[in-house]
Each structure stands twice: as structure tokens, then as C-alpha cells.
C-alpha atoms as a PDB file:
ATOM      1  CA  MET A   1     168.538 -59.170-134.462  1.00  0.00           C
ATOM      2  CA  SER A   2     168.043 -59.997-138.267  1.00  0.00           C
ATOM      3  CA  LEU A   3     169.549 -57.978-140.969  1.00  0.00           C
ATOM      4  CA  LYS A   4     166.349 -56.826-141.636  1.00  0.00           C
ATOM      5  CA  GLY A   5     165.292 -55.907-138.340  1.00  0.00           C
ATOM      6  CA  LYS A   6     168.272 -53.707-138.341  1.00  0.00           C
ATOM      7  CA  LEU A   7     167.810 -51.980-141.546  1.00  0.00           C
ATOM      8  CA  LEU A   8     164.287 -51.181-140.717  1.00  0.00           C
ATOM      9  CA  ILE A   9     165.456 -49.088-137.157  1.00  0.00           C
ATOM     10  CA  VAL A  10     168.024 -47.303-139.411  1.00  0.00           C
ATOM     11  CA  LEU A  11     165.209 -46.299-142.283  1.00  0.00           C
ATOM     12  CA  ILE A  12     162.620 -44.632-139.142  1.00  0.00           C
ATOM     13  CA  THR A  13     165.548 -43.445-137.489  1.00  0.00           C
ATOM     14  CA  VAL A  14     166.399 -41.736-141.182  1.00  0.00           C
ATOM     15  CA  ILE A  15     162.537 -40.661-141.622  1.00  0.00           C
ATOM     16  CA  PHE A  16     161.972 -39.740-137.931  1.00  0.00           C
ATOM     17  CA  ILE A  17     165.108 -37.110-138.002  1.00  0.00           C
ATOM     18  CA  ARG A  18     164.404 -35.751-141.106  1.00  0.00           C
ATOM     19  CA  VAL A  19     160.257 -35.400-139.952  1.00  0.00           C
ATOM     20  CA  ASN A  20     158.957 -31.464-138.708  1.00  0.00           C
ATOM     21  CA  GLY A  21     156.242 -31.334-136.778  1.00  0.00           C
ATOM     22  CA  GLN A  22     154.402 -30.259-133.559  1.00  0.00           C
ATOM     23  CA  GLY A  23     154.887 -32.521-130.322  1.00  0.00           C
ATOM     24  CA  CYS A  24     152.275 -33.292-127.789  1.00  0.00           C
ATOM     25  CA  SER A  25     152.069 -29.832-126.783  1.00  0.00           C
ATOM     26  CA  ASP A  26     151.018 -30.229-123.317  1.00  0.00           C
ATOM     27  CA  ALA A  27     151.750 -29.974-119.524  1.00  0.00           C
ATOM     28  CA  GLY A  28     153.378 -33.963-119.497  1.00  0.00           C
ATOM     29  CA  PHE A  29     149.797 -35.928-119.128  1.00  0.00           C
ATOM     30  CA  CYS A  30     150.112 -37.468-121.748  1.00  0.00           C
ATOM     31  CA  THR A  31     152.254 -39.690-121.638  1.00  0.00           C
ATOM     32  CA  MET A  32     151.104 -40.775-117.765  1.00  0.00           C
ATOM     33  CA  GLY A  33     149.785 -44.091-117.381  1.00  0.00           C
ATOM     34  CA  ALA A  34     147.067 -44.574-119.031  1.00  0.00           C
ATOM     35  CA  MET A  35     146.917 -41.749-120.960  1.00  0.00           C
ATOM     36  CA  LYS A  36     150.357 -42.985-122.421  1.00  0.00           C
ATOM     37  CA  PRO A  37     150.703 -43.478-126.487  1.00  0.00           C
ATOM     38  CA  ASP A  38     151.555 -47.482-128.015  1.00  0.00           C
ATOM     39  CA  GLN A  39     150.289 -49.386-124.778  1.00  0.00           C
ATOM     40  CA  PRO A  40     151.254 -52.900-124.893  1.00  0.00           C
ATOM     41  CA  PHE A  41     148.631 -55.208-125.237  1.00  0.00           C
ATOM     42  CA  ASN A  42     148.931 -59.150-125.646  1.00  0.00           C
ATOM     43  CA  LYS A  43     147.096 -62.142-124.149  1.00  0.00           C
ATOM     44  CA  LYS A  44     149.202 -64.933-125.815  1.00  0.00           C
ATOM     45  CA  VAL A  45     152.094 -63.494-123.764  1.00  0.00           C
ATOM     46  CA  PRO A  46     151.830 -62.015-120.063  1.00  0.00           C
ATOM     47  CA  LEU A  47     153.485 -58.602-120.399  1.00  0.00           C
ATOM     48  CA  LYS A  48     156.088 -57.844-117.335  1.00  0.00           C
ATOM     49  CA  LEU A  49     154.183 -54.346-115.530  1.00  0.00           C
ATOM     50  CA  ARG A  50     157.794 -53.647-114.520  1.00  0.00           C
ATOM     51  CA  SER A  51     159.991 -51.434-116.512  1.00  0.00           C
ATOM     52  CA  LEU A  52     162.287 -49.057-117.071  1.00  0.00           C
ATOM     53  CA  GLU A  53     162.301 -46.590-120.343  1.00  0.00           C
ATOM     54  CA  ILE A  54     164.782 -44.301-121.250  1.00  0.00           C
ATOM     55  CA  SER A  55     164.067 -41.710-123.799  1.00  0.00           C
ATOM     56  CA  PHE A  56     166.060 -38.626-125.387  1.00  0.00           C
ATOM     57  CA  TYR A  57     163.835 -35.426-126.630  1.00  0.00           C
ATOM     58  CA  ARG A  58     164.841 -32.316-129.316  1.00  0.00           C
ATOM     59  CA  GLY A  59     162.860 -29.853-130.053  1.00  0.00           C
ATOM     60  CA  SER A  60     163.117 -26.699-131.639  1.00  0.00           C
ATOM     61  CA  THR A  61     160.517 -24.544-130.697  1.00  0.00           C
ATOM     62  CA  THR A  62     158.907 -21.038-132.669  1.00  0.00           C
ATOM     63  CA  LEU A  63     161.567 -19.142-131.172  1.00  0.00           C
ATOM     64  CA  SER A  64     165.145 -19.227-131.190  1.00  0.00           C
ATOM     65  CA  PRO A  65     165.754 -22.355-127.996  1.00  0.00           C
ATOM     66  CA  THR A  66     166.214 -25.766-128.374  1.00  0.00           C
ATOM     67  CA  VAL A  67     165.072 -28.221-125.492  1.00  0.00           C
ATOM     68  CA  TYR A  68     166.952 -31.230-125.130  1.00  0.00           C
ATOM     69  CA  VAL A  69     165.361 -34.162-122.431  1.00  0.00           C
ATOM     70  CA  ALA A  70     166.948 -36.983-121.128  1.00  0.00           C
ATOM     71  CA  THR A  71     163.727 -39.131-119.537  1.00  0.00           C
ATOM     72  CA  VAL A  72     164.546 -42.033-116.734  1.00  0.00           C
ATOM     73  CA  ASP A  73     160.525 -43.807-116.741  1.00  0.00           C
ATOM     74  CA  ALA A  74     160.087 -46.290-113.849  1.00  0.00           C
ATOM     75  CA  SER A  75     157.133 -48.399-113.332  1.00  0.00           C
ATOM     76  CA  PHE A  76     156.895 -50.806-111.005  1.00  0.00           C
ATOM     77  CA  ASN A  77     154.129 -53.113-109.648  1.00  0.00           C
ATOM     78  CA  VAL A  78     152.271 -52.650-105.768  1.00  0.00           C
ATOM     79  CA  PHE A  79     149.713 -54.281-103.682  1.00  0.00           C
ATOM     80  CA  ASP A  80     149.076 -56.574-106.751  1.00  0.00           C
ATOM     81  CA  SER A  81     149.663 -57.653-110.559  1.00  0.00           C
ATOM     82  CA  LYS A  82     146.978 -54.646-111.843  1.00  0.00           C
ATOM     83  CA  THR A  83     148.423 -51.760-109.820  1.00  0.00           C
ATOM     84  CA  PHE A  84     151.379 -50.184-110.940  1.00  0.00           C
ATOM     85  CA  PHE A  85     153.155 -46.976-109.739  1.00  0.00           C
ATOM     86  CA  GLN A  86     154.885 -45.201-112.122  1.00  0.00           C
ATOM     87  CA  VAL A  87     157.990 -42.180-112.230  1.00  0.00           C
ATOM     88  CA  LYS A  88     159.810 -39.982-114.406  1.00  0.00           C
ATOM     89  CA  LEU A  89     162.698 -37.892-113.975  1.00  0.00           C
ATOM     90  CA  PRO A  90     163.690 -35.720-116.401  1.00  0.00           C
ATOM     91  CA  TYR A  91     166.745 -33.740-117.394  1.00  0.00           C
ATOM     92  CA  GLN A  92     166.504 -30.652-119.374  1.00  0.00           C
ATOM     93  CA  ALA A  93     168.748 -28.440-120.852  1.00  0.00           C
ATOM     94  CA  VAL A  94     167.981 -25.133-123.220  1.00  0.00           C
ATOM     95  CA  SER A  95     170.151 -23.479-125.877  1.00  0.00           C
ATOM     96  CA  GLY A  96     168.791 -20.288-127.233  1.00  0.00           C
ATOM     97  CA  ASN A  97     169.422 -16.224-128.170  1.00  0.00           C
ATOM     98  CA  PHE A  98     169.144 -15.247-124.364  1.00  0.00           C
ATOM     99  CA  GLY A  99     171.691 -18.286-123.084  1.00  0.00           C
ATOM    100  CA  ASN A 100     171.832 -21.734-121.469  1.00  0.00           C
ATOM    101  CA  THR A 101     169.832 -23.457-119.144  1.00  0.00           C
ATOM    102  CA  GLY A 102     170.006 -26.708-117.449  1.00  0.00           C
ATOM    103  CA  GLY A 103     168.655 -28.569-114.330  1.00  0.00           C
ATOM    104  CA  LEU A 104     166.203 -31.192-113.764  1.00  0.00           C
ATOM    105  CA  GLY A 105     162.712 -31.172-115.152  1.00  0.00           C
ATOM    106  CA  ASP A 106     159.198 -31.627-113.470  1.00  0.00           C
ATOM    107  CA  ILE A 107     158.809 -34.984-111.815  1.00  0.00           C
ATOM    108  CA  SER A 108     155.937 -36.760-112.523  1.00  0.00           C
ATOM    109  CA  LEU A 109     153.807 -39.339-110.541  1.00  0.00           C
ATOM    110  CA  CYS A 110     151.219 -41.656-110.905  1.00  0.00           C
ATOM    111  CA  LEU A 111     149.364 -44.727-109.938  1.00  0.00           C
ATOM    112  CA  THR A 112     147.297 -46.825-112.313  1.00  0.00           C
ATOM    113  CA  ARG A 113     144.854 -49.842-111.919  1.00  0.00           C
ATOM    114  CA  ASN A 114     143.246 -52.036-114.512  1.00  0.00           C
ATOM    115  CA  ILE A 115     140.204 -52.495-113.819  1.00  0.00           C
ATOM    116  CA  TYR A 116     138.737 -54.732-115.857  1.00  0.00           C
ATOM    117  CA  SER A 117     140.334 -57.068-118.595  1.00  0.00           C
ATOM    118  CA  SER A 118     139.072 -59.631-121.057  1.00  0.00           C
ATOM    119  CA  GLU A 119     140.346 -61.614-124.036  1.00  0.00           C
ATOM    120  CA  LYS A 120     139.088 -58.555-126.237  1.00  0.00           C
ATOM    121  CA  PHE A 121     140.140 -55.256-124.223  1.00  0.00           C
ATOM    122  CA  ASP A 122     141.320 -53.758-121.189  1.00  0.00           C
ATOM    123  CA  ILE A 123     140.164 -50.955-119.253  1.00  0.00           C
ATOM    124  CA  GLY A 124     142.863 -48.553-116.932  1.00  0.00           C
ATOM    125  CA  ILE A 125     142.393 -45.685-114.606  1.00  0.00           C
ATOM    126  CA  SER A 126     145.068 -43.135-113.688  1.00  0.00           C
ATOM    127  CA  LEU A 127     145.685 -41.275-110.647  1.00  0.00           C
ATOM    128  CA  GLY A 128     149.091 -38.522-110.470  1.00  0.00           C
ATOM    129  CA  SER A 129     150.639 -35.607-109.945  1.00  0.00           C
ATOM    130  CA  LYS A 130     153.129 -33.171-111.615  1.00  0.00           C
ATOM    131  CA  LEU A 131     156.096 -31.487-109.167  1.00  0.00           C
ATOM    132  CA  PRO A 132     157.876 -28.633-110.019  1.00  0.00           C
ATOM    133  CA  SER A 133     161.816 -28.749-109.846  1.00  0.00           C
ATOM    134  CA  ASN A 134     161.620 -24.878-109.731  1.00  0.00           C
ATOM    135  CA  ASN A 135     159.519 -21.624-109.834  1.00  0.00           C
ATOM    136  CA  SER A 136     160.241 -20.954-113.777  1.00  0.00           C
ATOM    137  CA  ASN A 137     162.671 -17.925-112.464  1.00  0.00           C
ATOM    138  CA  LEU A 138     165.833 -19.550-113.634  1.00  0.00           C
ATOM    139  CA  LYS A 139     167.956 -16.246-115.091  1.00  0.00           C
ATOM    140  CA  ASP A 140     170.274 -15.865-117.900  1.00  0.00           C
ATOM    141  CA  SER A 141     174.344 -15.788-117.121  1.00  0.00           C
ATOM    142  CA  GLU A 142     175.492 -12.557-118.678  1.00  0.00           C
ATOM    143  CA  HIS A 143     172.752 -10.306-117.121  1.00  0.00           C
ATOM    144  CA  ASN A 144     171.019 -12.000-114.658  1.00  0.00           C
ATOM    145  CA  LEU A 145     168.121 -11.235-116.010  1.00  0.00           C
ATOM    146  CA  PRO A 146     164.641 -14.021-115.162  1.00  0.00           C
ATOM    147  CA  LEU A 147     164.335 -15.766-119.310  1.00  0.00           C
ATOM    148  CA  PRO A 148     161.306 -16.656-120.805  1.00  0.00           C
ATOM    149  CA  MET A 149     159.239 -19.849-120.542  1.00  0.00           C
ATOM    150  CA  TYR A 150     160.897 -21.188-123.335  1.00  0.00           C
ATOM    151  CA  TYR A 151     163.942 -21.461-121.128  1.00  0.00           C
ATOM    152  CA  GLN A 152     162.738 -22.622-117.782  1.00  0.00           C
ATOM    153  CA  THR A 153     162.781 -26.245-116.774  1.00  0.00           C
ATOM    154  CA  SER A 154     159.972 -26.187-114.543  1.00  0.00           C
ATOM    155  CA  LEU A 155     156.864 -25.213-114.941  1.00  0.00           C
ATOM    156  CA  GLY A 156     156.864 -24.264-111.915  1.00  0.00           C
ATOM    157  CA  THR A 157     153.137 -25.537-110.656  1.00  0.00           C
ATOM    158  CA  TYR A 158     151.686 -28.487-108.783  1.00  0.00           C
ATOM    159  CA  ASP A 159     149.402 -30.117-111.339  1.00  0.00           C
ATOM    160  CA  ALA A 160     147.076 -33.155-110.550  1.00  0.00           C
ATOM    161  CA  ILE A 161     146.117 -35.651-113.165  1.00  0.00           C
ATOM    162  CA  ALA A 162     143.584 -37.894-113.925  1.00  0.00           C
ATOM    163  CA  GLY A 163     142.825 -39.956-116.658  1.00  0.00           C
ATOM    164  CA  ILE A 164     141.708 -43.420-118.155  1.00  0.00           C
ATOM    165  CA  SER A 165     141.924 -45.739-121.218  1.00  0.00           C
ATOM    166  CA  LEU A 166     140.021 -48.584-123.223  1.00  0.00           C
ATOM    167  CA  VAL A 167     143.340 -50.921-125.007  1.00  0.00           C
ATOM    168  CA  ASN A 168     142.951 -53.649-127.438  1.00  0.00           C
ATOM    169  CA  ARG A 169     144.949 -55.115-129.903  1.00  0.00           C
ATOM    170  CA  LYS A 170     144.071 -52.530-132.642  1.00  0.00           C
ATOM    171  CA  TRP A 171     142.834 -48.859-130.835  1.00  0.00           C
ATOM    172  CA  LEU A 172     144.049 -47.476-127.779  1.00  0.00           C
ATOM    173  CA  PHE A 173     141.560 -44.545-126.685  1.00  0.00           C
ATOM    174  CA  ALA A 174     142.178 -42.680-123.617  1.00  0.00           C
ATOM    175  CA  THR A 175     140.966 -39.399-121.896  1.00  0.00           C
ATOM    176  CA  GLY A 176     142.547 -37.370-119.222  1.00  0.00           C
ATOM    177  CA  ILE A 177     142.391 -33.955-117.453  1.00  0.00           C
ATOM    178  CA  GLN A 178     145.089 -31.933-115.761  1.00  0.00           C
ATOM    179  CA  HIS A 179     144.902 -28.984-113.575  1.00  0.00           C
ATOM    180  CA  PRO A 180     147.957 -26.022-111.495  1.00  0.00           C
ATOM    181  CA  PHE A 181     147.036 -25.248-108.133  1.00  0.00           C
ATOM    182  CA  ASN A 182     149.407 -22.471-108.311  1.00  0.00           C
ATOM    183  CA  THR A 183     151.036 -19.351-109.906  1.00  0.00           C
ATOM    184  CA  ASN A 184     154.575 -20.025-110.871  1.00  0.00           C
ATOM    185  CA  GLY A 185     157.062 -17.805-110.168  1.00  0.00           C
ATOM    186  CA  ASN A 186     158.160 -16.662-113.505  1.00  0.00           C
ATOM    187  CA  GLN A 187     159.325 -12.832-113.908  1.00  0.00           C
ATOM    188  CA  PHE A 188     160.624 -12.074-117.569  1.00  0.00           C
ATOM    189  CA  ARG A 189     160.020  -8.426-118.306  1.00  0.00           C
ATOM    190  CA  TRP A 190     159.999  -7.130-122.322  1.00  0.00           C
ATOM    191  CA  GLY A 191     161.610  -3.838-120.880  1.00  0.00           C
ATOM    192  CA  GLU A 192     164.550  -5.478-118.451  1.00  0.00           C
ATOM    193  CA  TRP A 193     165.604  -6.857-121.600  1.00  0.00           C
ATOM    194  CA  ILE A 194     165.435  -4.538-124.379  1.00  0.00           C
ATOM    195  CA  PRO A 195     168.014  -2.326-123.612  1.00  0.00           C
ATOM    196  CA  VAL A 196     170.673  -5.254-123.545  1.00  0.00           C
ATOM    197  CA  TYR A 197     170.072  -7.687-125.890  1.00  0.00           C
ATOM    198  CA  GLY A 198     171.439  -7.217-129.572  1.00  0.00           C
ATOM    199  CA  GLY A 199     169.104  -8.654-131.569  1.00  0.00           C
ATOM    200  CA  GLY A 200     166.429  -6.679-131.308  1.00  0.00           C
ATOM    201  CA  GLN A 201     163.328  -5.337-129.786  1.00  0.00           C
ATOM    202  CA  ASP A 202     161.111  -7.251-132.330  1.00  0.00           C
ATOM    203  CA  TYR A 203     162.388 -10.437-131.209  1.00  0.00           C
ATOM    204  CA  VAL A 204     162.355  -9.654-127.292  1.00  0.00           C
ATOM    205  CA  MET A 205     158.846  -8.953-127.233  1.00  0.00           C
ATOM    206  CA  ASP A 206     158.280 -12.293-129.725  1.00  0.00           C
ATOM    207  CA  ASN A 207     158.564 -14.414-126.153  1.00  0.00           C
ATOM    208  CA  MET A 208     155.157 -13.818-124.185  1.00  0.00           C
ATOM    209  CA  LEU A 209     155.125 -12.986-121.067  1.00  0.00           C
ATOM    210  CA  ALA A 210     153.656 -15.397-118.524  1.00  0.00           C
ATOM    211  CA  PHE A 211     154.811 -13.067-115.525  1.00  0.00           C
ATOM    212  CA  GLU A 212     153.541 -15.528-112.058  1.00  0.00           C
ATOM    213  CA  LEU A 213     151.533 -17.734-114.782  1.00  0.00           C
ATOM    214  CA  LYS A 214     148.770 -19.848-113.991  1.00  0.00           C
ATOM    215  CA  ARG A 215     147.947 -22.053-116.509  1.00  0.00           C
ATOM    216  CA  GLY A 216     144.204 -23.058-117.239  1.00  0.00           C
ATOM    217  CA  THR A 217     143.215 -26.345-117.362  1.00  0.00           C
ATOM    218  CA  ASP A 218     143.561 -29.019-120.058  1.00  0.00           C
ATOM    219  CA  VAL A 219     141.815 -32.140-121.332  1.00  0.00           C
ATOM    220  CA  MET A 220     142.645 -34.508-123.663  1.00  0.00           C
ATOM    221  CA  LEU A 221     141.581 -36.817-125.737  1.00  0.00           C
ATOM    222  CA  ARG A 222     143.621 -40.097-127.905  1.00  0.00           C
ATOM    223  CA  ALA A 223     142.618 -42.083-130.295  1.00  0.00           C
ATOM    224  CA  GLU A 224     145.025 -44.379-131.927  1.00  0.00           C
ATOM    225  CA  ARG A 225     144.986 -47.209-133.908  1.00  0.00           C
ATOM    226  CA  ASN A 226     148.077 -50.070-133.537  1.00  0.00           C
ATOM    227  CA  PHE A 227     149.841 -52.615-136.161  1.00  0.00           C
ATOM    228  CA  ARG A 228     150.593 -55.296-133.873  1.00  0.00           C
ATOM    229  CA  TYR A 229     153.083 -57.446-135.227  1.00  0.00           C
ATOM    230  CA  SER A 230     155.312 -60.044-133.882  1.00  0.00           C
ATOM    231  CA  ARG A 231     159.112 -58.073-133.402  1.00  0.00           C
ATOM    232  CA  TYR A 232     156.910 -54.367-134.860  1.00  0.00           C
ATOM    233  CA  ASN A 233     154.695 -52.421-133.815  1.00  0.00           C
ATOM    234  CA  PHE A 234     153.189 -49.001-135.768  1.00  0.00           C
ATOM    235  CA  SER A 235     150.687 -46.854-134.440  1.00  0.00           C
ATOM    236  CA  VAL A 236     148.989 -43.620-136.416  1.00  0.00           C
ATOM    237  CA  GLY A 237     146.902 -41.409-133.842  1.00  0.00           C
ATOM    238  CA  LEU A 238     145.155 -37.800-133.306  1.00  0.00           C
ATOM    239  CA  LEU A 239     145.853 -36.219-129.885  1.00  0.00           C
ATOM    240  CA  PRO A 240     143.336 -32.848-129.419  1.00  0.00           C
ATOM    241  CA  ILE A 241     144.019 -31.513-126.299  1.00  0.00           C
ATOM    242  CA  TRP A 242     142.009 -28.525-124.977  1.00  0.00           C
ATOM    243  CA  ARG A 243     142.483 -25.476-122.141  1.00  0.00           C
ATOM    244  CA  VAL A 244     139.377 -25.155-120.851  1.00  0.00           C
ATOM    245  CA  THR A 245     140.047 -22.055-118.861  1.00  0.00           C
ATOM    246  CA  LYS A 246     142.105 -18.799-119.518  1.00  0.00           C
ATOM    247  CA  ASP A 247     145.562 -18.841-118.328  1.00  0.00           C
ATOM    248  CA  GLU A 248     145.971 -15.890-116.603  1.00  0.00           C
ATOM    249  CA  ILE A 249     149.253 -13.849-115.438  1.00  0.00           C
ATOM    250  CA  PHE A 250     150.351 -10.499-113.569  1.00  0.00           C
ATOM    251  CA  ASP A 251     150.003  -7.512-115.577  1.00  0.00           C
ATOM    252  CA  ASN A 252     152.667  -4.765-114.478  1.00  0.00           C
ATOM    253  CA  ASN A 253     151.046  -1.977-116.616  1.00  0.00           C
ATOM    254  CA  THR A 254     147.709  -2.439-114.230  1.00  0.00           C
ATOM    255  CA  PHE A 255     149.122  -4.454-111.061  1.00  0.00           C
ATOM    256  CA  GLU A 256     145.707  -6.504-111.644  1.00  0.00           C
ATOM    257  CA  ARG A 257     146.026 -10.455-112.462  1.00  0.00           C
ATOM    258  CA  ILE A 258     144.651 -10.642-116.206  1.00  0.00           C
ATOM    259  CA  LYS A 259     142.760 -13.792-117.963  1.00  0.00           C
ATOM    260  CA  LEU A 260     144.575 -14.017-121.447  1.00  0.00           C
ATOM    261  CA  ASP A 261     142.540 -13.925-124.250  1.00  0.00           C
ATOM    262  CA  GLY A 262     143.995 -17.048-126.591  1.00  0.00           C
ATOM    263  CA  THR A 263     144.765 -19.467-124.179  1.00  0.00           C
ATOM    264  CA  THR A 264     141.805 -21.480-124.356  1.00  0.00           C
ATOM    265  CA  GLY A 265     140.534 -23.945-127.281  1.00  0.00           C
ATOM    266  CA  LEU A 266     142.130 -26.547-129.625  1.00  0.00           C
ATOM    267  CA  ALA A 267     145.796 -27.651-129.431  1.00  0.00           C
ATOM    268  CA  LEU A 268     145.570 -30.972-132.261  1.00  0.00           C
ATOM    269  CA  SER A 269     148.567 -33.435-132.914  1.00  0.00           C
ATOM    270  CA  GLY A 270     149.066 -36.072-135.602  1.00  0.00           C
ATOM    271  CA  ILE A 271     150.900 -38.730-133.876  1.00  0.00           C
ATOM    272  CA  VAL A 272     152.913 -41.811-134.889  1.00  0.00           C
ATOM    273  CA  THR A 273     155.174 -44.324-133.328  1.00  0.00           C
ATOM    274  CA  ALA A 274     157.092 -46.976-134.555  1.00  0.00           C
ATOM    275  CA  GLY A 275     159.095 -49.585-132.567  1.00  0.00           C
ATOM    276  CA  TYR A 276     160.598 -52.851-132.382  1.00  0.00           C
ATOM    277  CA  SER A 277     161.010 -55.806-129.982  1.00  0.00           C
ATOM    278  CA  PHE A 278     164.412 -57.062-129.338  1.00  0.00           C
ATOM    279  CA  ASN A 279     162.157 -59.985-127.310  1.00  0.00           C
ATOM    280  CA  VAL A 280     159.822 -60.076-124.948  1.00  0.00           C
ATOM    281  CA  LYS A 281     160.987 -57.613-122.108  1.00  0.00           C
ATOM    282  CA  SER A 282     162.982 -55.084-124.350  1.00  0.00           C
ATOM    283  CA  GLY A 283     162.500 -52.983-127.290  1.00  0.00           C
ATOM    284  CA  VAL A 284     163.177 -50.066-128.989  1.00  0.00           C
ATOM    285  CA  ARG A 285     160.659 -47.458-130.020  1.00  0.00           C
ATOM    286  CA  LEU A 286     160.100 -43.865-132.085  1.00  0.00           C
ATOM    287  CA  LEU A 287     157.582 -41.039-131.998  1.00  0.00           C
ATOM    288  CA  PHE A 288     156.496 -37.984-133.513  1.00  0.00           C
ATOM    289  CA  GLY A 289     153.904 -35.523-133.982  1.00  0.00           C
ATOM    290  CA  VAL A 290     152.051 -33.296-136.870  1.00  0.00           C
ATOM    291  CA  GLY A 291     151.007 -29.937-135.369  1.00  0.00           C
ATOM    292  CA  ILE A 292     147.846 -29.949-137.339  1.00  0.00           C
ATOM    293  CA  VAL A 293     146.099 -27.388-134.847  1.00  0.00           C
ATOM    294  CA  GLN A 294     147.529 -24.844-132.792  1.00  0.00           C
ATOM    295  CA  ARG A 295     146.211 -22.264-129.860  1.00  0.00           C
ATOM    296  CA  LYS A 296     146.754 -18.905-130.558  1.00  0.00           C
ATOM    297  CA  VAL A 297     148.282 -17.580-127.313  1.00  0.00           C
ATOM    298  CA  ASN A 298     150.439 -19.787-125.682  1.00  0.00           C
ATOM    299  CA  PRO A 299     152.771 -18.181-122.292  1.00  0.00           C
ATOM    300  CA  ASP A 300     154.065 -21.153-120.698  1.00  0.00           C
ATOM    301  CA  GLY A 301     156.541 -22.015-123.640  1.00  0.00           C
ATOM    302  CA  LEU A 302     154.993 -25.954-124.610  1.00  0.00           C
ATOM    303  CA  THR A 303     154.825 -24.988-128.672  1.00  0.00           C
ATOM    304  CA  ARG A 304     157.838 -27.048-130.396  1.00  0.00           C
ATOM    305  CA  ASP A 305     158.726 -27.604-133.834  1.00  0.00           C
ATOM    306  CA  ASP A 306     160.810 -30.777-135.353  1.00  0.00           C
ATOM    307  CA  VAL A 307     160.504 -32.609-132.307  1.00  0.00           C
ATOM    308  CA  MET A 308     162.093 -35.631-132.255  1.00  0.00           C
ATOM    309  CA  THR A 309     162.653 -38.575-129.434  1.00  0.00           C
ATOM    310  CA  VAL A 310     163.770 -41.990-128.911  1.00  0.00           C
ATOM    311  CA  SER A 311     163.728 -44.614-126.403  1.00  0.00           C
ATOM    312  CA  TYR A 312     165.020 -47.843-125.469  1.00  0.00           C
ATOM    313  CA  PHE A 313     162.747 -50.032-122.739  1.00  0.00           C
ATOM    314  CA  TYR A 314     163.207 -52.801-120.372  1.00  0.00           C
ATOM    315  CA  ARG A 315     159.902 -54.952-119.295  1.00  0.00           C
ATOM    316  CA  PHE A 316     160.630 -57.304-115.877  1.00  0.00           C
END
């Protein structure tokens, strides 16, 4: 790598670490298959569809927990050169005022097929799912009490995902939908934590109740402008995500399931990526997002501040 390339990576990394932002506050589908950001497009050099990507993420939540995630993202051809299968295996660790948790995160599986390809643009479609690694009811080690969703390493639901994208040298447009089929097993209650937590009642109640949560359905749209060079690649885009149906929890006061007001509507993020290719097979990528619009109520624990992600990819 040239000295100029090394200096650029260092500069981007410094800027990246200093940026505070709201990341992709979705339940996972904005980085799957046809919905992924910063997709390659090069008709001069044949692209390898098989790839292995390792990423490291740090996210500060709106409360005390800090979330760390290391992810192995593998894609490989199936059937023919136009179809590939993606598997994402994350390990997630959380540290906050209520304690520490860690373990395997939700597993993502996605089948993507290029249904149209020309010199000007490609169109791809994806079908996939997310599988829970646990029932979202991890407990703290000191009091053995269920923790809020911010501390959970899994959303606890089986989700179906579908999407489509159009990519050319300058632009990426994608849309997708994610639908959960079941409730999770979260049992966090304010009344159990208030007597034992030394930091005050207000902080306990700032953690939203997600008792046996069933998330609403999400619809996303990605619009991204790419700037591609021989070794460098940059992109700037918008990522609106609409929750089109209300989140639902079990109310321990009425012993009925209730739909939560404020959980539907738009969450809009601005996304910026910067990448450097060591050669045609491998490179590094940085991504951060800035929240522009957020929903008022987010019991799923997906809201983030200070999002940082760095990844290394290898295509073969």
C-alpha cells in the first residue's frame, strides 16, 4: 500500500472515531443481501461473489449500556454465478449500569439473486430470515433479575426478510421489509429493579418496558450516491425506516396485551462510508450514521448514539 493510502486510512479512522451518530437503528435487514450499503459495481473487472467480511462495532445507547459486536459475514455462490447465500454470525457484549451480558447474537440468513445485469446497472432480489440466539430474557449476575432490551444479545424473534436493489456505478437504491412472527420472552419489570438498584427510580423507569414484546413490521428504503476510484470508494446516503405496525407488549397491570403508541413512524439516518481496496480481492471499510429523525417510543432497545464500525473484507 502507498504512503498516501496509509495516511488516508489513518485520517478517516480518526474522523470516524470522533463522529457521534445514530446508526442503522433497524432490526438487522439493512445490512443483508440486496439491502447492504456500499455494494460493489465494476464491469471492467469481474467481481468475486464469494466473500468473507469481519467487522467490529461499538455503540453507545441513549442510556448507560455500551454495545460491542464482532461479526463474521460470509457469502458464497449457490446454483450458479448469479445467486449467493449470506450468513452473518455476530457475537455481542453489553456493559451498563445494570451489569454485563455477552453471547451469540441473532443469526442472519439470506439468499440473493441477480435478476438483471447490464453494462449500466444490476438488479438483485433477496429473501432471508433472522433466527434468535435466545429469548431476550438474559438476567443480571448479582440479583438474577431480567434485564431491559438494551442488555439483550437477541431480539428473541423469528423474522422474515425480503428486498430488492438497483445498483450502478454512481447510485444504489434498495427497499426491503422485515416482519417478526412471534413475541420474545423478555420479563423486565420496573417494580423488581427499583428496590435493588442504587442509582435511583428515574433511571430504572427510563428503560422502556418490553414485556413479551412483539415488534412491528419495518419497511426500509436506501438511497446512496457512490464515488468510486481505482482503490478508494466513498458513499453518502439516506436510510429511512418506517415501522408500519405498532409494537405490542403484555401489560402486567391489566393482564392484557396492549399496542404501544409512538412506536410507528419514521426513523431516518444519514449514512456515510469510506473504503480502501488493497487489491481486487481485499480491502477495509468504515461506516457511520447520523440520526435525523427518530420514533418517540423504542422498547426494542435498538436506539444508538456514537456508532463506530470498521470492517475487513476478502473476496474470492
